[in-house]
Amino acid sequence: MSAVPTSVQWSKLNEYLLQVTTIHQPHDFCVAALDLLPKLVSYDQGIVYFLDETASVYDEYLVGVSEKAVRAYHLHVFDDPEEESEWSVSAIARQYADRIIADAKEKERLGRVPTNPITSMDFSRYPHDSRFYRECVRPRGIRFSTGFGFFDMRGRVRVVFCLDRTRNVDYSHDELTLLELVAMHLGNTYVNFHAEPPLGHGDTLALATSDLPLTAREREIASLILQGSSAKAVADRLGISRETVYKHVNHIHAKLGVSNQAELIARLRESVGR
């Protein structure tokens, strides 16, 4: 991550996460994540795309965007798939997943988690004579765009968030940093909606006695995460705040060299031979 949020930003982030993570239905969880996001980072137009296991869009949720504009976007993608096909939601999802895989390889080479910041796209620099710009960007008045995704247990992108601004104000460094935190923490919760069967008692003991470089408290939290517990459930079980749970999870990620929940689950399961 490129910067450390201020205490005020941490407070707002914690309030936002507490509100969103009280929702336990995947679709409603993602809708709330977009609806409440202006508490942290404002946008003029927002879309949540829901993808199936083949990375095809099966549903979407729109804020400040007309259905007509989104239909025009989908028609453009399917009408001329070879021209600028990188702008289809499925292609964006695949590129996002490929970047995570590349990061994992780089992490193995460097022995640390590489920086993978969320960035902003400035469409004033994009070719204005392209069909994609003429038919999809200009009609919506998009100037700047950013976004992130959520993964399932198998590392497939299942949700894509697109955040667009029509005003001539780019996303700031601090706003992009907050979006990185949102993507990480909410992604950690979202992946539990696709969790595999929980660990048995023997697996929990194996984790407790493994050689992972974790404190006793971190092992407790890691064990509960493997059992499919949400941040709220972990907090309730251990009698601590969800903010404290998030901080412990950050430490666990750093110690184990992982950057998202899917990688963490895979690393922990490997440690107990699953």
Protein backbone atom coordinates (compact mmCIF):
# COMPACT_ATOMS: atom_id res chain seq x y z
CA MET A 1 0.00 0.00 0.00
CA SER A 2 1.28 3.38 -0.93
CA ALA A 3 0.33 5.43 2.14
CA VAL A 4 -0.99 5.13 5.67
CA PRO A 5 -4.45 6.69 6.20
CA THR A 6 -4.91 9.37 8.84
CA SER A 7 -6.75 8.64 12.06
CA VAL A 8 -9.84 10.36 10.66
CA GLN A 9 -9.70 8.24 7.51
CA TRP A 10 -9.26 5.07 9.61
CA SER A 11 -12.33 6.04 11.61
CA LYS A 12 -14.42 6.57 8.49
CA LEU A 13 -13.09 3.36 6.95
CA ASN A 14 -13.94 1.38 10.06
CA GLU A 15 -17.47 2.82 10.17
CA TYR A 16 -17.96 1.97 6.50
CA LEU A 17 -16.66 -1.60 6.91
CA LEU A 18 -18.82 -2.17 9.99
CA GLN A 19 -21.93 -1.18 8.05
CA VAL A 20 -21.22 -3.25 4.95
CA THR A 21 -20.06 -6.39 6.75
CA THR A 22 -23.32 -6.70 8.70
CA ILE A 23 -24.86 -7.91 5.42
CA HIS A 24 -24.51 -11.64 4.75
CA GLN A 25 -26.10 -12.02 1.31
CA PRO A 26 -23.51 -11.64 -1.49
CA HIS A 27 -25.60 -9.48 -3.85
CA ASP A 28 -26.86 -7.14 -1.12
CA PHE A 29 -23.34 -6.98 0.34
CA CYS A 30 -21.96 -5.64 -2.95
CA VAL A 31 -24.86 -3.23 -3.45
CA ALA A 32 -24.29 -1.79 0.03
CA ALA A 33 -20.55 -1.55 -0.66
CA LEU A 34 -21.27 0.73 -3.63
CA ASP A 35 -24.15 2.69 -2.04
CA LEU A 36 -22.18 3.52 1.10
CA LEU A 37 -18.84 4.15 -0.60
CA PRO A 38 -19.33 7.95 -0.87
CA LYS A 39 -18.72 8.03 2.90
CA LEU A 40 -15.09 7.40 1.90
CA VAL A 41 -14.64 8.11 -1.81
CA SER A 42 -17.14 9.94 -4.00
CA TYR A 43 -18.02 9.01 -7.55
CA ASP A 44 -20.53 10.33 -10.12
CA GLN A 45 -21.46 7.03 -11.74
CA GLY A 46 -21.03 3.58 -10.27
CA ILE A 47 -21.65 0.06 -11.54
CA VAL A 48 -21.33 -3.33 -9.88
CA TYR A 49 -21.03 -6.20 -12.37
CA PHE A 50 -21.77 -9.71 -11.10
CA LEU A 51 -19.90 -12.49 -12.93
CA ASP A 52 -20.48 -16.23 -13.08
CA GLU A 53 -17.75 -18.89 -12.97
CA THR A 54 -16.95 -18.31 -16.66
CA ALA A 55 -16.40 -14.55 -16.10
CA SER A 56 -19.62 -13.68 -17.95
CA VAL A 57 -21.84 -10.87 -16.61
CA TYR A 58 -25.19 -12.17 -15.34
CA ASP A 59 -26.38 -9.13 -13.36
CA GLU A 60 -25.48 -5.52 -12.63
CA TYR A 61 -26.35 -2.73 -10.22
CA LEU A 62 -26.29 0.89 -11.40
CA VAL A 63 -25.91 4.20 -9.58
CA GLY A 64 -26.18 7.38 -11.64
CA VAL A 65 -26.02 5.40 -14.88
CA SER A 66 -28.94 4.76 -17.25
CA GLU A 67 -29.75 1.24 -18.39
CA LYS A 68 -29.64 2.58 -21.94
CA ALA A 69 -26.00 3.62 -21.53
CA VAL A 70 -25.02 0.23 -20.14
CA ARG A 71 -26.89 -1.58 -22.93
CA ALA A 72 -24.95 0.51 -25.45
CA TYR A 73 -21.72 -0.58 -23.75
CA HIS A 74 -22.66 -4.28 -23.87
CA LEU A 75 -23.79 -4.00 -27.50
CA HIS A 76 -20.46 -2.40 -28.41
CA VAL A 77 -18.51 -5.22 -26.76
CA PHE A 78 -20.52 -8.00 -28.42
CA ASP A 79 -20.92 -6.23 -31.78
CA ASP A 80 -17.22 -5.78 -32.36
CA PRO A 81 -15.35 -8.04 -29.91
CA GLU A 82 -11.98 -7.62 -31.64
CA GLU A 83 -11.87 -3.83 -31.37
CA GLU A 84 -10.73 -2.70 -27.92
CA SER A 85 -12.01 -5.95 -26.41
CA GLU A 86 -9.96 -5.20 -23.31
CA TRP A 87 -12.86 -3.00 -22.19
CA SER A 88 -15.36 -5.85 -21.82
CA VAL A 89 -16.12 -6.71 -18.17
CA SER A 90 -15.00 -10.30 -18.74
CA ALA A 91 -11.68 -9.13 -20.19
CA ILE A 92 -11.18 -6.70 -17.30
CA ALA A 93 -11.87 -9.54 -14.85
CA ARG A 94 -9.39 -11.82 -16.59
CA GLN A 95 -6.74 -9.10 -16.66
CA TYR A 96 -7.33 -8.46 -12.96
CA ALA A 97 -6.96 -12.17 -12.16
CA ASP A 98 -3.84 -12.44 -14.34
CA ARG A 99 -2.34 -9.50 -12.44
CA ILE A 100 -2.95 -11.27 -9.13
CA ILE A 101 -1.28 -14.41 -10.48
CA ALA A 102 1.65 -12.35 -11.75
CA ASP A 103 1.90 -10.69 -8.34
CA ALA A 104 2.00 -14.11 -6.68
CA LYS A 105 4.91 -15.15 -8.89
CA GLU A 106 6.71 -11.87 -8.21
CA LYS A 107 6.07 -12.34 -4.51
CA GLU A 108 7.70 -15.77 -4.67
CA ARG A 109 10.70 -14.33 -6.51
CA LEU A 110 11.15 -11.33 -4.22
CA GLY A 111 10.09 -12.98 -0.98
CA ARG A 112 7.58 -10.22 -0.26
CA VAL A 113 4.20 -8.97 -1.41
CA PRO A 114 4.65 -6.63 -4.41
CA THR A 115 2.85 -3.30 -4.50
CA ASN A 116 -0.31 -3.52 -6.59
CA PRO A 117 -2.02 -0.14 -6.20
CA ILE A 118 -5.43 0.77 -7.55
CA THR A 119 -5.00 3.37 -10.27
CA SER A 120 -7.17 5.90 -12.09
CA MET A 121 -7.79 6.03 -15.85
CA ASP A 122 -7.76 9.54 -17.35
CA PHE A 123 -9.94 9.33 -20.47
CA SER A 124 -8.77 12.70 -21.70
CA ARG A 125 -5.58 10.81 -22.63
CA TYR A 126 -7.47 7.96 -24.33
CA PRO A 127 -7.77 8.09 -28.15
CA HIS A 128 -10.91 10.12 -28.83
CA ASP A 129 -11.25 8.78 -32.36
CA SER A 130 -11.76 5.22 -31.12
CA ARG A 131 -15.19 3.64 -31.36
CA PHE A 132 -15.17 2.74 -27.67
CA TYR A 133 -14.64 6.37 -26.68
CA ARG A 134 -17.25 7.67 -29.12
CA GLU A 135 -19.97 5.16 -28.20
CA CYS A 136 -19.32 4.32 -24.54
CA VAL A 137 -17.23 7.01 -22.85
CA ARG A 138 -18.26 10.33 -24.39
CA PRO A 139 -22.06 9.79 -24.16
CA ARG A 140 -21.72 9.23 -20.41
CA GLY A 141 -19.32 12.14 -20.00
CA ILE A 142 -16.76 10.00 -18.18
CA ARG A 143 -13.51 11.81 -17.39
CA PHE A 144 -11.83 9.57 -14.78
CA SER A 145 -12.43 5.93 -13.91
CA THR A 146 -11.19 3.46 -11.33
CA GLY A 147 -12.37 0.25 -9.71
CA PHE A 148 -11.60 -3.09 -8.08
CA GLY A 149 -12.90 -6.67 -7.85
CA PHE A 150 -13.82 -9.46 -5.44
CA PHE A 151 -12.67 -13.08 -5.81
CA ASP A 152 -14.16 -16.45 -4.92
CA MET A 153 -12.26 -19.26 -3.19
CA ARG A 154 -10.74 -20.44 -6.47
CA GLY A 155 -9.27 -17.05 -7.30
CA ARG A 156 -11.88 -16.19 -9.95
CA VAL A 157 -13.14 -12.60 -10.14
CA ARG A 158 -16.86 -12.68 -9.32
CA VAL A 159 -17.62 -8.98 -8.85
CA VAL A 160 -16.24 -5.91 -10.62
CA PHE A 161 -16.78 -2.37 -9.28
CA CYS A 162 -16.49 0.52 -11.76
CA LEU A 163 -16.32 4.02 -10.30
CA ASP A 164 -16.52 6.88 -12.79
CA ARG A 165 -16.29 10.66 -12.46
CA THR A 166 -17.74 13.09 -14.96
CA ARG A 167 -16.34 16.10 -13.13
CA ASN A 168 -12.82 17.23 -13.97
CA VAL A 169 -11.36 16.01 -10.66
CA ASP A 170 -9.13 12.96 -10.67
CA TYR A 171 -9.10 10.44 -7.81
CA SER A 172 -6.52 11.59 -5.30
CA HIS A 173 -3.66 9.56 -3.87
CA ASP A 174 -5.51 9.30 -0.52
CA GLU A 175 -8.74 8.18 -2.18
CA LEU A 176 -6.99 5.43 -4.14
CA THR A 177 -5.28 4.29 -0.94
CA LEU A 178 -8.66 4.04 0.79
CA LEU A 179 -10.03 2.05 -2.15
CA GLU A 180 -7.12 -0.38 -1.79
CA LEU A 181 -8.15 -0.93 1.84
CA VAL A 182 -11.81 -1.31 0.88
CA ALA A 183 -10.93 -3.86 -1.81
CA MET A 184 -8.75 -5.84 0.60
CA HIS A 185 -11.05 -5.90 3.62
CA LEU A 186 -14.36 -6.37 1.83
CA GLY A 187 -12.73 -8.87 -0.51
CA ASN A 188 -11.66 -10.85 2.55
CA THR A 189 -15.28 -10.98 3.70
CA TYR A 190 -16.74 -11.64 0.26
CA VAL A 191 -14.61 -14.72 -0.34
CA ASN A 192 -16.27 -16.38 2.66
CA PHE A 193 -19.54 -16.46 0.70
CA HIS A 194 -17.79 -19.03 -1.51
CA ALA A 195 -15.98 -20.82 1.32
CA GLU A 196 -15.18 -24.49 1.22
CA PRO A 197 -16.34 -26.81 4.03
CA PRO A 198 -14.91 -25.71 7.40
CA LEU A 199 -11.94 -27.29 9.07
CA GLY A 200 -12.44 -30.16 11.43
CA HIS A 201 -11.06 -30.29 14.98
CA GLY A 202 -7.93 -32.11 13.84
CA ASP A 203 -7.20 -29.46 11.22
CA THR A 204 -7.60 -26.70 13.79
CA LEU A 205 -5.07 -28.42 16.05
CA ALA A 206 -2.72 -28.85 13.09
CA LEU A 207 -2.89 -25.11 12.44
CA ALA A 208 -2.25 -24.34 16.11
CA THR A 209 0.91 -26.49 16.08
CA SER A 210 2.13 -25.52 12.61
CA ASP A 211 5.38 -23.65 12.05
CA LEU A 212 3.64 -20.55 10.71
CA PRO A 213 5.22 -17.35 12.16
CA LEU A 214 2.01 -16.23 13.88
CA THR A 215 1.22 -15.18 17.44
CA ALA A 216 -1.29 -17.16 19.50
CA ARG A 217 -4.00 -14.57 18.81
CA GLU A 218 -3.24 -14.57 15.09
CA ARG A 219 -3.53 -18.37 15.04
CA GLU A 220 -6.94 -18.10 16.71
CA ILE A 221 -8.10 -15.64 14.08
CA ALA A 222 -6.59 -17.67 11.23
CA SER A 223 -8.38 -20.78 12.51
CA LEU A 224 -11.73 -18.98 12.65
CA ILE A 225 -11.20 -17.58 9.14
CA LEU A 226 -10.57 -21.12 7.88
CA GLN A 227 -13.85 -22.15 9.50
CA GLY A 228 -15.63 -19.59 7.32
CA SER A 229 -16.18 -16.98 10.03
CA SER A 230 -16.80 -13.36 9.03
CA ALA A 231 -14.94 -10.48 10.68
CA LYS A 232 -18.01 -9.86 12.85
CA ALA A 233 -18.18 -13.51 13.89
CA VAL A 234 -14.47 -13.52 14.76
CA ALA A 235 -14.88 -10.32 16.79
CA ASP A 236 -17.89 -11.72 18.66
CA ARG A 237 -16.19 -15.04 19.33
CA LEU A 238 -12.99 -13.47 20.70
CA GLY A 239 -14.58 -10.46 22.40
CA ILE A 240 -12.65 -7.89 20.38
CA SER A 241 -13.67 -5.17 17.92
CA ARG A 242 -13.88 -5.74 14.19
CA GLU A 243 -11.29 -2.99 13.72
CA THR A 244 -8.90 -5.09 15.83
CA VAL A 245 -9.74 -8.15 13.72
CA TYR A 246 -8.91 -6.21 10.54
CA LYS A 247 -5.57 -5.11 11.99
CA HIS A 248 -4.69 -8.70 12.95
CA VAL A 249 -5.62 -9.88 9.45
CA ASN A 250 -3.31 -7.24 7.99
CA HIS A 251 -0.47 -8.56 10.16
CA ILE A 252 -1.24 -12.17 9.14
CA HIS A 253 -1.16 -11.18 5.45
CA ALA A 254 2.21 -9.47 5.90
CA LYS A 255 3.75 -12.38 7.83
CA LEU A 256 2.54 -15.03 5.39
CA GLY A 257 3.28 -12.98 2.27
CA VAL A 258 -0.27 -13.00 0.93
CA SER A 259 -2.29 -10.10 -0.45
CA ASN A 260 -5.90 -11.29 -0.38
CA GLN A 261 -8.23 -13.73 1.36
CA ALA A 262 -8.05 -16.38 -1.34
CA GLU A 263 -4.24 -16.54 -1.04
CA LEU A 264 -4.52 -16.60 2.77
CA ILE A 265 -6.98 -19.52 2.75
CA ALA A 266 -4.76 -21.45 0.34
CA ARG A 267 -1.66 -20.79 2.49
CA LEU A 268 -3.39 -21.87 5.71
CA ARG A 269 -4.87 -25.00 4.13
CA GLU A 270 -1.43 -25.90 2.82
CA SER A 271 -0.06 -25.61 6.36
CA VAL A 272 -2.54 -28.24 7.62
CA GLY A 273 -2.18 -30.51 4.59
CA ARG A 274 -5.54 -29.75 2.98
